Amino acid sequence: MDKKECTGCTENFYNGNNPLGVNECWHLKDAKVIQRFAISVNAPMGTRANYRPEKRPRCYRARGIVYLKAIPEYAK
């Protein structure tokens, strides 16, 4: 796992991008890149086309995005 995978993550602040002297996010040692499905918090959840497959670290978080292991069965 490389820090460049953390670009855009809200926790990337802790990978040396802060004035606090913290040089590595505490998630980095155990992080693994996995595929999940991303959907905006503003998108209708029942529409299958709104789910985008993305390969990101399993600890990756972004503002306004929800990451799921699978597309829900109710999404058409």
PDB file of N, CA and C in Angstrom:
ATOM      1  N   MET A   1       0.846  -1.176   0.000  1.00  0.00           N
ATOM      2  CA  MET A   1       0.000   0.000   0.000  1.00  0.00           C
ATOM      3  C   MET A   1       0.888   1.234   0.000  1.00  0.00           C
ATOM      4  N   ASP A   2       0.609   2.133  -0.898  1.00  0.00           N
ATOM      5  CA  ASP A   2       1.391   3.352  -1.057  1.00  0.00           C
ATOM      6  C   ASP A   2       0.529   4.560  -0.696  1.00  0.00           C
ATOM      7  N   LYS A   3       1.150   5.594  -0.169  1.00  0.00           N
ATOM      8  CA  LYS A   3       0.414   6.799   0.217  1.00  0.00           C
ATOM      9  C   LYS A   3      -0.300   7.462  -0.948  1.00  0.00           C
ATOM     10  N   LYS A   4       0.168   7.238  -2.183  1.00  0.00           N
ATOM     11  CA  LYS A   4      -0.489   7.871  -3.332  1.00  0.00           C
ATOM     12  C   LYS A   4      -1.906   7.330  -3.532  1.00  0.00           C
ATOM     13  N   GLU A   5      -2.205   6.141  -3.011  1.00  0.00           N
ATOM     14  CA  GLU A   5      -3.569   5.591  -3.062  1.00  0.00           C
ATOM     15  C   GLU A   5      -4.519   6.386  -2.163  1.00  0.00           C
ATOM     16  N   CYS A   6      -3.955   7.161  -1.249  1.00  0.00           N
ATOM     17  CA  CYS A   6      -4.747   7.921  -0.279  1.00  0.00           C
ATOM     18  C   CYS A   6      -5.184   9.292  -0.797  1.00  0.00           C
ATOM     19  N   THR A   7      -4.719   9.676  -1.974  1.00  0.00           N
ATOM     20  CA  THR A   7      -5.073  10.977  -2.525  1.00  0.00           C
ATOM     21  C   THR A   7      -6.590  11.105  -2.631  1.00  0.00           C
ATOM     22  N   GLY A   8      -7.134  12.156  -2.041  1.00  0.00           N
ATOM     23  CA  GLY A   8      -8.574  12.390  -2.047  1.00  0.00           C
ATOM     24  C   GLY A   8      -9.278  11.885  -0.807  1.00  0.00           C
ATOM     25  N   CYS A   9      -8.614  11.063  -0.016  1.00  0.00           N
ATOM     26  CA  CYS A   9      -9.206  10.552   1.218  1.00  0.00           C
ATOM     27  C   CYS A   9      -9.203  11.648   2.281  1.00  0.00           C
ATOM     28  N   THR A  10     -10.244  11.697   3.086  1.00  0.00           N
ATOM     29  CA  THR A  10     -10.298  12.701   4.147  1.00  0.00           C
ATOM     30  C   THR A  10      -9.200  12.487   5.183  1.00  0.00           C
ATOM     31  N   GLU A  11      -8.697  11.281   5.309  1.00  0.00           N
ATOM     32  CA  GLU A  11      -7.651  10.975   6.284  1.00  0.00           C
ATOM     33  C   GLU A  11      -6.246  11.200   5.729  1.00  0.00           C
ATOM     34  N   ASN A  12      -6.118  11.560   4.457  1.00  0.00           N
ATOM     35  CA  ASN A  12      -4.806  11.822   3.869  1.00  0.00           C
ATOM     36  C   ASN A  12      -4.120  13.003   4.560  1.00  0.00           C
ATOM     37  N   PHE A  13      -4.859  13.787   5.269  1.00  0.00           N
ATOM     38  CA  PHE A  13      -4.336  14.870   6.098  1.00  0.00           C
ATOM     39  C   PHE A  13      -3.222  14.353   7.016  1.00  0.00           C
ATOM     40  N   TYR A  14      -3.363  13.111   7.471  1.00  0.00           N
ATOM     41  CA  TYR A  14      -2.415  12.526   8.422  1.00  0.00           C
ATOM     42  C   TYR A  14      -1.198  11.879   7.759  1.00  0.00           C
ATOM     43  N   ASN A  15      -1.097  11.948   6.450  1.00  0.00           N
ATOM     44  CA  ASN A  15       0.070  11.418   5.730  1.00  0.00           C
ATOM     45  C   ASN A  15       1.078  12.522   5.453  1.00  0.00           C
ATOM     46  N   GLY A  16       1.397  13.297   6.460  1.00  0.00           N
ATOM     47  CA  GLY A  16       2.376  14.360   6.325  1.00  0.00           C
ATOM     48  C   GLY A  16       1.808  15.655   5.766  1.00  0.00           C
ATOM     49  N   ASN A  17       0.498  15.693   5.535  1.00  0.00           N
ATOM     50  CA  ASN A  17      -0.155  16.877   4.982  1.00  0.00           C
ATOM     51  C   ASN A  17      -0.789  17.724   6.088  1.00  0.00           C
ATOM     52  N   ASN A  18      -0.049  17.927   7.140  1.00  0.00           N
ATOM     53  CA  ASN A  18      -0.583  18.656   8.290  1.00  0.00           C
ATOM     54  C   ASN A  18       0.541  19.372   9.026  1.00  0.00           C
ATOM     55  N   PRO A  19       0.189  20.387   9.813  1.00  0.00           N
ATOM     56  CA  PRO A  19       1.195  21.102  10.591  1.00  0.00           C
ATOM     57  C   PRO A  19       1.459  20.456  11.958  1.00  0.00           C
ATOM     58  N   LEU A  20       0.884  19.283  12.186  1.00  0.00           N
ATOM     59  CA  LEU A  20       0.964  18.626  13.497  1.00  0.00           C
ATOM     60  C   LEU A  20       2.189  17.730  13.657  1.00  0.00           C
ATOM     61  N   GLY A  21       2.882  17.461  12.553  1.00  0.00           N
ATOM     62  CA  GLY A  21       4.037  16.573  12.625  1.00  0.00           C
ATOM     63  C   GLY A  21       3.684  15.105  12.476  1.00  0.00           C
ATOM     64  N   VAL A  22       2.428  14.794  12.148  1.00  0.00           N
ATOM     65  CA  VAL A  22       2.015  13.410  11.923  1.00  0.00           C
ATOM     66  C   VAL A  22       2.377  13.068  10.483  1.00  0.00           C
ATOM     67  N   ASN A  23       3.203  12.024  10.293  1.00  0.00           N
ATOM     68  CA  ASN A  23       3.714  11.697   8.968  1.00  0.00           C
ATOM     69  C   ASN A  23       3.040  10.515   8.295  1.00  0.00           C
ATOM     70  N   GLU A  24       2.268   9.729   9.061  1.00  0.00           N
ATOM     71  CA  GLU A  24       1.630   8.566   8.463  1.00  0.00           C
ATOM     72  C   GLU A  24       0.284   8.297   9.121  1.00  0.00           C
ATOM     73  N   CYS A  25      -0.725   8.115   8.286  1.00  0.00           N
ATOM     74  CA  CYS A  25      -2.063   7.779   8.766  1.00  0.00           C
ATOM     75  C   CYS A  25      -2.014   6.428   9.482  1.00  0.00           C
ATOM     76  N   TRP A  26      -2.746   6.285  10.545  1.00  0.00           N
ATOM     77  CA  TRP A  26      -2.737   5.052  11.327  1.00  0.00           C
ATOM     78  C   TRP A  26      -3.369   3.884  10.569  1.00  0.00           C
ATOM     79  N   HIS A  27      -4.113   4.152   9.503  1.00  0.00           N
ATOM     80  CA  HIS A  27      -4.715   3.087   8.698  1.00  0.00           C
ATOM     81  C   HIS A  27      -3.732   2.495   7.686  1.00  0.00           C
ATOM     82  N   LEU A  28      -2.668   3.206   7.362  1.00  0.00           N
ATOM     83  CA  LEU A  28      -1.798   2.847   6.246  1.00  0.00           C
ATOM     84  C   LEU A  28      -1.167   1.458   6.361  1.00  0.00           C
ATOM     85  N   LYS A  29      -0.731   1.062   7.528  1.00  0.00           N
ATOM     86  CA  LYS A  29      -0.047  -0.233   7.688  1.00  0.00           C
ATOM     87  C   LYS A  29      -0.941  -1.419   7.353  1.00  0.00           C
ATOM     88  N   ASP A  30      -2.234  -1.325   7.668  1.00  0.00           N
ATOM     89  CA  ASP A  30      -3.162  -2.432   7.443  1.00  0.00           C
ATOM     90  C   ASP A  30      -4.015  -2.255   6.188  1.00  0.00           C
ATOM     91  N   ALA A  31      -3.853  -1.146   5.482  1.00  0.00           N
ATOM     92  CA  ALA A  31      -4.716  -0.848   4.333  1.00  0.00           C
ATOM     93  C   ALA A  31      -4.448  -1.790   3.168  1.00  0.00           C
ATOM     94  N   LYS A  32      -5.517  -2.177   2.506  1.00  0.00           N
ATOM     95  CA  LYS A  32      -5.446  -2.988   1.297  1.00  0.00           C
ATOM     96  C   LYS A  32      -6.396  -2.374   0.275  1.00  0.00           C
ATOM     97  N   VAL A  33      -5.990  -2.397  -0.991  1.00  0.00           N
ATOM     98  CA  VAL A  33      -6.844  -1.868  -2.051  1.00  0.00           C
ATOM     99  C   VAL A  33      -7.867  -2.938  -2.423  1.00  0.00           C
ATOM    100  N   ILE A  34      -9.140  -2.558  -2.388  1.00  0.00           N
ATOM    101  CA  ILE A  34     -10.237  -3.467  -2.724  1.00  0.00           C
ATOM    102  C   ILE A  34     -11.211  -2.753  -3.652  1.00  0.00           C
ATOM    103  N   GLN A  35     -12.059  -3.527  -4.323  1.00  0.00           N
ATOM    104  CA  GLN A  35     -13.092  -2.909  -5.146  1.00  0.00           C
ATOM    105  C   GLN A  35     -14.351  -2.730  -4.321  1.00  0.00           C
ATOM    106  N   ARG A  36     -14.913  -1.537  -4.396  1.00  0.00           N
ATOM    107  CA  ARG A  36     -16.189  -1.228  -3.758  1.00  0.00           C
ATOM    108  C   ARG A  36     -17.015  -0.417  -4.745  1.00  0.00           C
ATOM    109  N   PHE A  37     -18.264  -0.201  -4.412  1.00  0.00           N
ATOM    110  CA  PHE A  37     -19.150   0.584  -5.257  1.00  0.00           C
ATOM    111  C   PHE A  37     -19.429   1.907  -4.567  1.00  0.00           C
ATOM    112  N   ALA A  38     -19.145   2.998  -5.284  1.00  0.00           N
ATOM    113  CA  ALA A  38     -19.303   4.343  -4.741  1.00  0.00           C
ATOM    114  C   ALA A  38     -20.612   4.939  -5.240  1.00  0.00           C
ATOM    115  N   ILE A  39     -21.287   5.660  -4.345  1.00  0.00           N
ATOM    116  CA  ILE A  39     -22.498   6.379  -4.717  1.00  0.00           C
ATOM    117  C   ILE A  39     -22.527   7.687  -3.936  1.00  0.00           C
ATOM    118  N   SER A  40     -22.935   8.737  -4.598  1.00  0.00           N
ATOM    119  CA  SER A  40     -23.047  10.043  -3.952  1.00  0.00           C
ATOM    120  C   SER A  40     -24.203  10.012  -2.956  1.00  0.00           C
ATOM    121  N   VAL A  41     -24.059  10.736  -1.881  1.00  0.00           N
ATOM    122  CA  VAL A  41     -25.141  10.809  -0.894  1.00  0.00           C
ATOM    123  C   VAL A  41     -26.363  11.514  -1.474  1.00  0.00           C
ATOM    124  N   ASN A  42     -26.203  12.218  -2.572  1.00  0.00           N
ATOM    125  CA  ASN A  42     -27.308  12.930  -3.215  1.00  0.00           C
ATOM    126  C   ASN A  42     -27.971  12.145  -4.342  1.00  0.00           C
ATOM    127  N   ALA A  43     -27.419  10.997  -4.716  1.00  0.00           N
ATOM    128  CA  ALA A  43     -27.952  10.201  -5.828  1.00  0.00           C
ATOM    129  C   ALA A  43     -29.038   9.254  -5.330  1.00  0.00           C
ATOM    130  N   PRO A  44     -30.034   8.971  -6.162  1.00  0.00           N
ATOM    131  CA  PRO A  44     -31.059   7.990  -5.790  1.00  0.00           C
ATOM    132  C   PRO A  44     -30.440   6.602  -5.629  1.00  0.00           C
ATOM    133  N   MET A  45     -30.691   5.961  -4.508  1.00  0.00           N
ATOM    134  CA  MET A  45     -30.090   4.656  -4.225  1.00  0.00           C
ATOM    135  C   MET A  45     -30.717   3.520  -5.013  1.00  0.00           C
ATOM    136  N   GLY A  46     -31.906   3.730  -5.549  1.00  0.00           N
ATOM    137  CA  GLY A  46     -32.595   2.676  -6.275  1.00  0.00           C
ATOM    138  C   GLY A  46     -32.214   2.585  -7.740  1.00  0.00           C
ATOM    139  N   THR A  47     -31.291   3.423  -8.187  1.00  0.00           N
ATOM    140  CA  THR A  47     -30.874   3.422  -9.587  1.00  0.00           C
ATOM    141  C   THR A  47     -29.487   2.792  -9.709  1.00  0.00           C
ATOM    142  N   ARG A  48     -29.436   1.646 -10.345  1.00  0.00           N
ATOM    143  CA  ARG A  48     -28.196   0.867 -10.456  1.00  0.00           C
ATOM    144  C   ARG A  48     -27.062   1.654 -11.126  1.00  0.00           C
ATOM    145  N   ALA A  49     -27.388   2.500 -12.084  1.00  0.00           N
ATOM    146  CA  ALA A  49     -26.375   3.257 -12.821  1.00  0.00           C
ATOM    147  C   ALA A  49     -25.631   4.261 -11.939  1.00  0.00           C
ATOM    148  N   ASN A  50     -26.164   4.580 -10.782  1.00  0.00           N
ATOM    149  CA  ASN A  50     -25.520   5.540  -9.880  1.00  0.00           C
ATOM    150  C   ASN A  50     -24.378   4.939  -9.070  1.00  0.00           C
ATOM    151  N   TYR A  51     -24.203   3.631  -9.120  1.00  0.00           N
ATOM    152  CA  TYR A  51     -23.131   2.956  -8.381  1.00  0.00           C
ATOM    153  C   TYR A  51     -21.924   2.777  -9.300  1.00  0.00           C
ATOM    154  N   ARG A  52     -20.791   3.352  -8.904  1.00  0.00           N
ATOM    155  CA  ARG A  52     -19.561   3.255  -9.704  1.00  0.00           C
ATOM    156  C   ARG A  52     -18.589   2.295  -9.030  1.00  0.00           C
ATOM    157  N   PRO A  53     -18.092   1.297  -9.757  1.00  0.00           N
ATOM    158  CA  PRO A  53     -17.064   0.434  -9.168  1.00  0.00           C
ATOM    159  C   PRO A  53     -15.745   1.211  -9.079  1.00  0.00           C
ATOM    160  N   GLU A  54     -15.104   1.149  -7.928  1.00  0.00           N
ATOM    161  CA  GLU A  54     -13.828   1.840  -7.717  1.00  0.00           C
ATOM    162  C   GLU A  54     -12.903   0.952  -6.909  1.00  0.00           C
ATOM    163  N   LYS A  55     -11.636   0.985  -7.256  1.00  0.00           N
ATOM    164  CA  LYS A  55     -10.621   0.294  -6.455  1.00  0.00           C
ATOM    165  C   LYS A  55      -9.956   1.345  -5.586  1.00  0.00           C
ATOM    166  N   ARG A  56     -10.165   1.220  -4.300  1.00  0.00           N
ATOM    167  CA  ARG A  56      -9.641   2.154  -3.311  1.00  0.00           C
ATOM    168  C   ARG A  56      -9.210   1.364  -2.077  1.00  0.00           C
ATOM    169  N   PRO A  57      -8.391   1.972  -1.217  1.00  0.00           N
ATOM    170  CA  PRO A  57      -8.086   1.314   0.056  1.00  0.00           C
ATOM    171  C   PRO A  57      -9.373   1.090   0.847  1.00  0.00           C
ATOM    172  N   ARG A  58      -9.449   0.006   1.566  1.00  0.00           N
ATOM    173  CA  ARG A  58     -10.689  -0.288   2.296  1.00  0.00           C
ATOM    174  C   ARG A  58     -11.005   0.747   3.373  1.00  0.00           C
ATOM    175  N   CYS A  59     -10.022   1.529   3.785  1.00  0.00           N
ATOM    176  CA  CYS A  59     -10.244   2.567   4.793  1.00  0.00           C
ATOM    177  C   CYS A  59     -10.547   3.933   4.162  1.00  0.00           C
ATOM    178  N   TYR A  60     -10.576   4.012   2.824  1.00  0.00           N
ATOM    179  CA  TYR A  60     -10.747   5.275   2.092  1.00  0.00           C
ATOM    180  C   TYR A  60     -12.106   5.902   2.383  1.00  0.00           C
ATOM    181  N   ARG A  61     -12.083   7.203   2.685  1.00  0.00           N
ATOM    182  CA  ARG A  61     -13.317   7.963   2.911  1.00  0.00           C
ATOM    183  C   ARG A  61     -13.254   9.257   2.118  1.00  0.00           C
ATOM    184  N   ALA A  62     -14.360   9.617   1.514  1.00  0.00           N
ATOM    185  CA  ALA A  62     -14.448  10.867   0.766  1.00  0.00           C
ATOM    186  C   ALA A  62     -15.743  11.566   1.156  1.00  0.00           C
ATOM    187  N   ARG A  63     -15.705  12.875   1.179  1.00  0.00           N
ATOM    188  CA  ARG A  63     -16.904  13.643   1.541  1.00  0.00           C
ATOM    189  C   ARG A  63     -17.993  13.457   0.498  1.00  0.00           C
ATOM    190  N   GLY A  64     -19.189  13.185   0.972  1.00  0.00           N
ATOM    191  CA  GLY A  64     -20.346  13.079   0.091  1.00  0.00           C
ATOM    192  C   GLY A  64     -20.450  11.783  -0.682  1.00  0.00           C
ATOM    193  N   ILE A  65     -19.593  10.800  -0.363  1.00  0.00           N
ATOM    194  CA  ILE A  65     -19.601   9.509  -1.065  1.00  0.00           C
ATOM    195  C   ILE A  65     -19.766   8.382  -0.045  1.00  0.00           C
ATOM    196  N   VAL A  66     -20.573   7.407  -0.407  1.00  0.00           N
ATOM    197  CA  VAL A  66     -20.735   6.198   0.401  1.00  0.00           C
ATOM    198  C   VAL A  66     -20.149   5.047  -0.405  1.00  0.00           C
ATOM    199  N   TYR A  67     -19.378   4.182   0.246  1.00  0.00           N
ATOM    200  CA  TYR A  67     -18.770   3.022  -0.407  1.00  0.00           C
ATOM    201  C   TYR A  67     -19.421   1.753   0.126  1.00  0.00           C
ATOM    202  N   LEU A  68     -19.856   0.898  -0.794  1.00  0.00           N
ATOM    203  CA  LEU A  68     -20.529  -0.350  -0.428  1.00  0.00           C
ATOM    204  C   LEU A  68     -19.785  -1.538  -1.021  1.00  0.00           C
ATOM    205  N   LYS A  69     -19.882  -2.685  -0.363  1.00  0.00           N
ATOM    206  CA  LYS A  69     -19.244  -3.903  -0.868  1.00  0.00           C
ATOM    207  C   LYS A  69     -19.929  -4.412  -2.131  1.00  0.00           C
ATOM    208  N   ALA A  70     -21.235  -4.213  -2.212  1.00  0.00           N
ATOM    209  CA  ALA A  70     -22.012  -4.694  -3.358  1.00  0.00           C
ATOM    210  C   ALA A  70     -23.159  -3.725  -3.639  1.00  0.00           C
ATOM    211  N   ILE A  71     -23.670  -3.783  -4.849  1.00  0.00           N
ATOM    212  CA  ILE A  71     -24.836  -2.969  -5.200  1.00  0.00           C
ATOM    213  C   ILE A  71     -26.050  -3.626  -4.557  1.00  0.00           C
ATOM    214  N   PRO A  72     -26.879  -2.854  -3.859  1.00  0.00           N
ATOM    215  CA  PRO A  72     -28.059  -3.442  -3.197  1.00  0.00           C
ATOM    216  C   PRO A  72     -28.996  -4.130  -4.188  1.00  0.00           C
ATOM    217  N   GLU A  73     -29.679  -5.162  -3.733  1.00  0.00           N
ATOM    218  CA  GLU A  73     -30.581  -5.926  -4.583  1.00  0.00           C
ATOM    219  C   GLU A  73     -31.740  -5.091  -5.101  1.00  0.00           C
ATOM    220  N   TYR A  74     -32.165  -4.084  -4.339  1.00  0.00           N
ATOM    221  CA  TYR A  74     -33.310  -3.269  -4.760  1.00  0.00           C
ATOM    222  C   TYR A  74     -32.974  -2.277  -5.860  1.00  0.00           C
ATOM    223  N   ALA A  75     -31.695  -2.072  -6.159  1.00  0.00           N
ATOM    224  CA  ALA A  75     -31.302  -1.119  -7.212  1.00  0.00           C
ATOM    225  C   ALA A  75     -31.616  -1.724  -8.576  1.00  0.00           C
ATOM    226  N   LYS A  76     -32.369  -0.984  -9.385  1.00  0.00           N
ATOM    227  CA  LYS A  76     -32.779  -1.471 -10.711  1.00  0.00           C
ATOM    228  C   LYS A  76     -31.897  -0.924 -11.791  1.00  0.00           C
TER     229      LYS A  76
END
